[in-house]
Every structure is written in C-alpha cells, then in structure tokens.
C-alpha cells in the first residue's frame, strides 16, 4: 500500500499497475480494468487530482503524469 496508509483500495491497485511515467489514457485504461467499464473520465480526473494533492504523482505535461518519489 503506497504512501503509508493502513488500508488499500482499488485506486492503490491502479497506481501500482501504472508505469513511473503515464498518461491520462493509460490511467483510464487501468481504471477500467480494475473497476469495470462504468468508470468515467471525470472519476479518473478526480483520482489523478487527488494523487497530485497527496504528493504521490505530479503533472509533467498536457495529460502526462509521473509517480513522485
């Protein structure tokens, strides 16, 4: 479980499956694989925004991200 939390969730699984550098589309595809086909683009945007706020990912460009640390 990344970033010192006690319980893991499906977003942790998505995070672990992504490369160190990834795009929004790759995050969306992994989210679909883990959570199912009903996942929305907005839900993935919120997940990525939360990761950036938590300091475990950072935006590197338009639709591109990098895992922090």
PDB file of N, CA and C in Angstrom:
ATOM      1  N   UNK A   1       0.861  -1.176   0.000  1.00  0.00           N
ATOM      2  CA  UNK A   1       0.000   0.000   0.000  1.00  0.00           C
ATOM      3  C   UNK A   1       0.903   1.234   0.000  1.00  0.00           C
ATOM      4  N   UNK A   2       0.791   2.081  -1.026  1.00  0.00           N
ATOM      5  CA  UNK A   2       1.665   3.250  -1.086  1.00  0.00           C
ATOM      6  C   UNK A   2       1.290   4.320  -0.067  1.00  0.00           C
ATOM      7  N   UNK A   3       2.196   5.212   0.155  1.00  0.00           N
ATOM      8  CA  UNK A   3       2.066   6.423   0.966  1.00  0.00           C
ATOM      9  C   UNK A   3       1.540   6.186   2.371  1.00  0.00           C
ATOM     10  N   UNK A   4       1.959   5.090   3.002  1.00  0.00           N
ATOM     11  CA  UNK A   4       1.764   4.906   4.431  1.00  0.00           C
ATOM     12  C   UNK A   4       0.348   4.782   4.945  1.00  0.00           C
ATOM     13  N   UNK A   5      -0.598   4.418   4.101  1.00  0.00           N
ATOM     14  CA  UNK A   5      -1.956   4.231   4.590  1.00  0.00           C
ATOM     15  C   UNK A   5      -2.111   2.832   5.132  1.00  0.00           C
ATOM     16  N   UNK A   6      -3.099   2.630   5.982  1.00  0.00           N
ATOM     17  CA  UNK A   6      -3.291   1.325   6.594  1.00  0.00           C
ATOM     18  C   UNK A   6      -4.159   0.397   5.756  1.00  0.00           C
ATOM     19  N   UNK A   7      -5.090   0.955   5.015  1.00  0.00           N
ATOM     20  CA  UNK A   7      -5.960   0.125   4.177  1.00  0.00           C
ATOM     21  C   UNK A   7      -5.784   0.519   2.727  1.00  0.00           C
ATOM     22  N   UNK A   8      -5.765  -0.474   1.875  1.00  0.00           N
ATOM     23  CA  UNK A   8      -5.641  -0.208   0.454  1.00  0.00           C
ATOM     24  C   UNK A   8      -6.994  -0.237  -0.224  1.00  0.00           C
ATOM     25  N   UNK A   9      -7.063   0.402  -1.368  1.00  0.00           N
ATOM     26  CA  UNK A   9      -8.292   0.413  -2.148  1.00  0.00           C
ATOM     27  C   UNK A   9      -7.992   0.131  -3.598  1.00  0.00           C
ATOM     28  N   UNK A  10      -9.003   0.198  -4.431  1.00  0.00           N
ATOM     29  CA  UNK A  10      -8.803  -0.107  -5.847  1.00  0.00           C
ATOM     30  C   UNK A  10      -7.915   0.931  -6.525  1.00  0.00           C
ATOM     31  N   UNK A  11      -7.914   2.177  -6.038  1.00  0.00           N
ATOM     32  CA  UNK A  11      -7.029   3.178  -6.624  1.00  0.00           C
ATOM     33  C   UNK A  11      -5.565   2.838  -6.368  1.00  0.00           C
ATOM     34  N   UNK A  12      -5.271   2.184  -5.251  1.00  0.00           N
ATOM     35  CA  UNK A  12      -3.902   1.742  -4.982  1.00  0.00           C
ATOM     36  C   UNK A  12      -3.479   0.682  -5.989  1.00  0.00           C
ATOM     37  N   UNK A  13      -4.393  -0.186  -6.352  1.00  0.00           N
ATOM     38  CA  UNK A  13      -4.114  -1.202  -7.366  1.00  0.00           C
ATOM     39  C   UNK A  13      -3.834  -0.545  -8.712  1.00  0.00           C
ATOM     40  N   UNK A  14      -4.621   0.453  -9.065  1.00  0.00           N
ATOM     41  CA  UNK A  14      -4.410   1.187 -10.315  1.00  0.00           C
ATOM     42  C   UNK A  14      -3.033   1.838 -10.301  1.00  0.00           C
ATOM     43  N   UNK A  15      -2.689   2.501  -9.197  1.00  0.00           N
ATOM     44  CA  UNK A  15      -1.400   3.179  -9.060  1.00  0.00           C
ATOM     45  C   UNK A  15      -0.253   2.187  -9.254  1.00  0.00           C
ATOM     46  N   UNK A  16      -0.353   1.023  -8.648  1.00  0.00           N
ATOM     47  CA  UNK A  16       0.711   0.019  -8.738  1.00  0.00           C
ATOM     48  C   UNK A  16       0.865  -0.517 -10.160  1.00  0.00           C
ATOM     49  N   UNK A  17      -0.208  -0.550 -10.923  1.00  0.00           N
ATOM     50  CA  UNK A  17      -0.166  -1.104 -12.279  1.00  0.00           C
ATOM     51  C   UNK A  17       0.388  -0.128 -13.307  1.00  0.00           C
ATOM     52  N   UNK A  18       0.469   1.149 -12.955  1.00  0.00           N
ATOM     53  CA  UNK A  18       0.948   2.161 -13.903  1.00  0.00           C
ATOM     54  C   UNK A  18       2.469   2.235 -13.899  1.00  0.00           C
ATOM     55  N   UNK A  19       3.043   2.603 -15.058  1.00  0.00           N
ATOM     56  CA  UNK A  19       4.482   2.857 -15.154  1.00  0.00           C
ATOM     57  C   UNK A  19       4.811   4.122 -14.377  1.00  0.00           C
ATOM     58  N   UNK A  20       6.113   4.379 -14.180  1.00  0.00           N
ATOM     59  CA  UNK A  20       6.521   5.594 -13.473  1.00  0.00           C
ATOM     60  C   UNK A  20       6.081   6.850 -14.214  1.00  0.00           C
ATOM     61  N   UNK A  21       6.065   6.817 -15.525  1.00  0.00           N
ATOM     62  CA  UNK A  21       5.532   7.904 -16.337  1.00  0.00           C
ATOM     63  C   UNK A  21       4.331   7.347 -17.079  1.00  0.00           C
ATOM     64  N   UNK A  22       3.215   8.060 -16.993  1.00  0.00           N
ATOM     65  CA  UNK A  22       1.987   7.559 -17.599  1.00  0.00           C
ATOM     66  C   UNK A  22       1.134   8.706 -18.094  1.00  0.00           C
ATOM     67  N   UNK A  23       0.188   8.371 -18.948  1.00  0.00           N
ATOM     68  CA  UNK A  23      -0.725   9.373 -19.487  1.00  0.00           C
ATOM     69  C   UNK A  23      -2.111   9.194 -18.869  1.00  0.00           C
ATOM     70  N   UNK A  24      -2.946  10.184 -19.106  1.00  0.00           N
ATOM     71  CA  UNK A  24      -4.327  10.091 -18.641  1.00  0.00           C
ATOM     72  C   UNK A  24      -4.996   8.852 -19.234  1.00  0.00           C
ATOM     73  N   UNK A  25      -4.750   8.598 -20.511  1.00  0.00           N
ATOM     74  CA  UNK A  25      -5.386   7.446 -21.171  1.00  0.00           C
ATOM     75  C   UNK A  25      -4.949   6.134 -20.543  1.00  0.00           C
ATOM     76  N   UNK A  26      -3.672   6.016 -20.194  1.00  0.00           N
ATOM     77  CA  UNK A  26      -3.206   4.794 -19.536  1.00  0.00           C
ATOM     78  C   UNK A  26      -3.871   4.633 -18.172  1.00  0.00           C
ATOM     79  N   UNK A  27      -4.007   5.734 -17.436  1.00  0.00           N
ATOM     80  CA  UNK A  27      -4.691   5.679 -16.139  1.00  0.00           C
ATOM     81  C   UNK A  27      -6.150   5.285 -16.333  1.00  0.00           C
ATOM     82  N   UNK A  28      -6.772   5.806 -17.382  1.00  0.00           N
ATOM     83  CA  UNK A  28      -8.173   5.462 -17.665  1.00  0.00           C
ATOM     84  C   UNK A  28      -8.308   3.979 -17.997  1.00  0.00           C
ATOM     85  N   UNK A  29      -7.403   3.450 -18.816  1.00  0.00           N
ATOM     86  CA  UNK A  29      -7.465   2.037 -19.194  1.00  0.00           C
ATOM     87  C   UNK A  29      -7.254   1.132 -17.984  1.00  0.00           C
ATOM     88  N   UNK A  30      -6.308   1.468 -17.108  1.00  0.00           N
ATOM     89  CA  UNK A  30      -6.084   0.664 -15.902  1.00  0.00           C
ATOM     90  C   UNK A  30      -7.277   0.768 -14.954  1.00  0.00           C
ATOM     91  N   UNK A  31      -7.876   1.950 -14.880  1.00  0.00           N
ATOM     92  CA  UNK A  31      -9.073   2.124 -14.042  1.00  0.00           C
ATOM     93  C   UNK A  31     -10.213   1.257 -14.548  1.00  0.00           C
ATOM     94  N   UNK A  32     -10.370   1.198 -15.860  1.00  0.00           N
ATOM     95  CA  UNK A  32     -11.405   0.358 -16.459  1.00  0.00           C
ATOM     96  C   UNK A  32     -11.134  -1.111 -16.167  1.00  0.00           C
ATOM     97  N   UNK A  33      -9.859  -1.516 -16.238  1.00  0.00           N
ATOM     98  CA  UNK A  33      -9.504  -2.915 -15.977  1.00  0.00           C
ATOM     99  C   UNK A  33      -9.787  -3.296 -14.524  1.00  0.00           C
ATOM    100  N   UNK A  34      -9.551  -2.361 -13.598  1.00  0.00           N
ATOM    101  CA  UNK A  34      -9.713  -2.670 -12.177  1.00  0.00           C
ATOM    102  C   UNK A  34     -11.158  -2.490 -11.723  1.00  0.00           C
ATOM    103  N   UNK A  35     -11.789  -1.389 -12.150  1.00  0.00           N
ATOM    104  CA  UNK A  35     -13.114  -1.040 -11.622  1.00  0.00           C
ATOM    105  C   UNK A  35     -14.270  -1.427 -12.534  1.00  0.00           C
ATOM    106  N   UNK A  36     -13.973  -1.713 -13.796  1.00  0.00           N
ATOM    107  CA  UNK A  36     -15.039  -2.078 -14.718  1.00  0.00           C
ATOM    108  C   UNK A  36     -15.332  -0.972 -15.715  1.00  0.00           C
ATOM    109  N   UNK A  37     -16.176  -1.280 -16.671  1.00  0.00           N
ATOM    110  CA  UNK A  37     -16.405  -0.392 -17.807  1.00  0.00           C
ATOM    111  C   UNK A  37     -17.255   0.829 -17.483  1.00  0.00           C
ATOM    112  N   UNK A  38     -17.814   0.914 -16.286  1.00  0.00           N
ATOM    113  CA  UNK A  38     -18.657   2.054 -15.951  1.00  0.00           C
ATOM    114  C   UNK A  38     -17.870   3.253 -15.423  1.00  0.00           C
ATOM    115  N   UNK A  39     -16.545   3.146 -15.334  1.00  0.00           N
ATOM    116  CA  UNK A  39     -15.720   4.242 -14.845  1.00  0.00           C
ATOM    117  C   UNK A  39     -15.816   5.411 -15.825  1.00  0.00           C
ATOM    118  N   UNK A  40     -15.834   6.634 -15.309  1.00  0.00           N
ATOM    119  CA  UNK A  40     -15.963   7.815 -16.164  1.00  0.00           C
ATOM    120  C   UNK A  40     -14.637   8.565 -16.240  1.00  0.00           C
ATOM    121  N   UNK A  41     -14.503   9.370 -17.293  1.00  0.00           N
ATOM    122  CA  UNK A  41     -13.321  10.216 -17.424  1.00  0.00           C
ATOM    123  C   UNK A  41     -13.214  11.161 -16.234  1.00  0.00           C
ATOM    124  N   UNK A  42     -14.349  11.667 -15.768  1.00  0.00           N
ATOM    125  CA  UNK A  42     -14.332  12.592 -14.645  1.00  0.00           C
ATOM    126  C   UNK A  42     -13.810  11.911 -13.381  1.00  0.00           C
ATOM    127  N   UNK A  43     -14.182  10.663 -13.149  1.00  0.00           N
ATOM    128  CA  UNK A  43     -13.704   9.935 -11.972  1.00  0.00           C
ATOM    129  C   UNK A  43     -12.193   9.762 -12.023  1.00  0.00           C
ATOM    130  N   UNK A  44     -11.652   9.498 -13.202  1.00  0.00           N
ATOM    131  CA  UNK A  44     -10.203   9.344 -13.352  1.00  0.00           C
ATOM    132  C   UNK A  44      -9.512  10.688 -13.153  1.00  0.00           C
ATOM    133  N   UNK A  45     -10.101  11.769 -13.680  1.00  0.00           N
ATOM    134  CA  UNK A  45      -9.543  13.108 -13.456  1.00  0.00           C
ATOM    135  C   UNK A  45      -9.475  13.422 -11.960  1.00  0.00           C
ATOM    136  N   UNK A  46     -10.530  13.108 -11.227  1.00  0.00           N
ATOM    137  CA  UNK A  46     -10.556  13.350  -9.778  1.00  0.00           C
ATOM    138  C   UNK A  46      -9.498  12.500  -9.063  1.00  0.00           C
ATOM    139  N   UNK A  47      -9.354  11.242  -9.476  1.00  0.00           N
ATOM    140  CA  UNK A  47      -8.357  10.363  -8.877  1.00  0.00           C
ATOM    141  C   UNK A  47      -6.958  10.939  -9.078  1.00  0.00           C
ATOM    142  N   UNK A  48      -6.651  11.382 -10.304  1.00  0.00           N
ATOM    143  CA  UNK A  48      -5.334  11.942 -10.592  1.00  0.00           C
ATOM    144  C   UNK A  48      -5.110  13.247  -9.835  1.00  0.00           C
ATOM    145  N   UNK A  49      -6.141  14.071  -9.740  1.00  0.00           N
ATOM    146  CA  UNK A  49      -6.030  15.317  -8.982  1.00  0.00           C
ATOM    147  C   UNK A  49      -5.730  15.025  -7.515  1.00  0.00           C
ATOM    148  N   UNK A  50      -6.394  14.013  -6.959  1.00  0.00           N
ATOM    149  CA  UNK A  50      -6.142  13.627  -5.566  1.00  0.00           C
ATOM    150  C   UNK A  50      -4.722  13.107  -5.387  1.00  0.00           C
ATOM    151  N   UNK A  51      -4.245  12.301  -6.332  1.00  0.00           N
ATOM    152  CA  UNK A  51      -2.876  11.804  -6.251  1.00  0.00           C
ATOM    153  C   UNK A  51      -1.880  12.956  -6.252  1.00  0.00           C
ATOM    154  N   UNK A  52      -2.111  13.960  -7.087  1.00  0.00           N
ATOM    155  CA  UNK A  52      -1.211  15.117  -7.137  1.00  0.00           C
ATOM    156  C   UNK A  52      -1.269  15.883  -5.818  1.00  0.00           C
ATOM    157  N   UNK A  53      -2.453  16.051  -5.275  1.00  0.00           N
ATOM    158  CA  UNK A  53      -2.602  16.757  -3.999  1.00  0.00           C
ATOM    159  C   UNK A  53      -1.935  15.980  -2.863  1.00  0.00           C
ATOM    160  N   UNK A  54      -1.974  14.647  -2.919  1.00  0.00           N
ATOM    161  CA  UNK A  54      -1.360  13.809  -1.891  1.00  0.00           C
ATOM    162  C   UNK A  54       0.155  13.712  -2.062  1.00  0.00           C
ATOM    163  N   UNK A  55       0.653  14.179  -3.201  1.00  0.00           N
ATOM    164  CA  UNK A  55       2.090  14.168  -3.425  1.00  0.00           C
ATOM    165  C   UNK A  55       2.639  12.850  -3.941  1.00  0.00           C
ATOM    166  N   UNK A  56       1.781  11.968  -4.432  1.00  0.00           N
ATOM    167  CA  UNK A  56       2.277  10.684  -4.937  1.00  0.00           C
ATOM    168  C   UNK A  56       2.389  10.666  -6.456  1.00  0.00           C
ATOM    169  N   UNK A  57       1.906  11.724  -7.107  1.00  0.00           N
ATOM    170  CA  UNK A  57       2.044  11.864  -8.559  1.00  0.00           C
ATOM    171  C   UNK A  57       2.175  13.352  -8.855  1.00  0.00           C
ATOM    172  N   UNK A  58       2.758  13.659 -10.004  1.00  0.00           N
ATOM    173  CA  UNK A  58       2.866  15.049 -10.422  1.00  0.00           C
ATOM    174  C   UNK A  58       2.593  15.143 -11.907  1.00  0.00           C
ATOM    175  N   UNK A  59       2.026  16.258 -12.297  1.00  0.00           N
ATOM    176  CA  UNK A  59       1.717  16.503 -13.709  1.00  0.00           C
ATOM    177  C   UNK A  59       2.997  16.947 -14.408  1.00  0.00           C
ATOM    178  N   UNK A  60       3.294  16.329 -15.558  1.00  0.00           N
ATOM    179  CA  UNK A  60       4.504  16.683 -16.306  1.00  0.00           C
ATOM    180  C   UNK A  60       4.183  17.361 -17.635  1.00  0.00           C
ATOM    181  N   UNK A  61       2.947  17.365 -18.024  1.00  0.00           N
ATOM    182  CA  UNK A  61       2.566  17.980 -19.278  1.00  0.00           C
ATOM    183  C   UNK A  61       1.084  17.825 -19.496  1.00  0.00           C
ATOM    184  N   UNK A  62       0.645  18.120 -20.682  1.00  0.00           N
ATOM    185  CA  UNK A  62      -0.763  18.029 -21.008  1.00  0.00           C
ATOM    186  C   UNK A  62      -1.188  16.570 -21.071  1.00  0.00           C
ATOM    187  N   UNK A  63      -1.824  16.086 -20.015  1.00  0.00           N
ATOM    188  CA  UNK A  63      -2.272  14.702 -19.966  1.00  0.00           C
ATOM    189  C   UNK A  63      -1.191  13.714 -19.599  1.00  0.00           C
ATOM    190  N   UNK A  64      -0.033  14.206 -19.134  1.00  0.00           N
ATOM    191  CA  UNK A  64       1.073  13.322 -18.758  1.00  0.00           C
ATOM    192  C   UNK A  64       1.372  13.491 -17.279  1.00  0.00           C
ATOM    193  N   UNK A  65       1.726  12.362 -16.636  1.00  0.00           N
ATOM    194  CA  UNK A  65       1.975  12.356 -15.204  1.00  0.00           C
ATOM    195  C   UNK A  65       3.200  11.511 -14.901  1.00  0.00           C
ATOM    196  N   UNK A  66       3.744  11.710 -13.694  1.00  0.00           N
ATOM    197  CA  UNK A  66       4.877  10.918 -13.215  1.00  0.00           C
ATOM    198  C   UNK A  66       4.617  10.582 -11.754  1.00  0.00           C
ATOM    199  N   UNK A  67       4.928   9.340 -11.379  1.00  0.00           N
ATOM    200  CA  UNK A  67       4.840   8.971  -9.976  1.00  0.00           C
ATOM    201  C   UNK A  67       5.914   9.729  -9.210  1.00  0.00           C
ATOM    202  N   UNK A  68       5.567  10.266  -8.064  1.00  0.00           N
ATOM    203  CA  UNK A  68       6.534  11.009  -7.248  1.00  0.00           C
ATOM    204  C   UNK A  68       7.338  10.036  -6.385  1.00  0.00           C
ATOM    205  N   UNK A  69       8.534  10.436  -6.059  1.00  0.00           N
ATOM    206  CA  UNK A  69       9.361   9.626  -5.171  1.00  0.00           C
ATOM    207  C   UNK A  69      10.167   8.698  -5.942  1.00  0.00           C
TER     208      UNK A  69
END
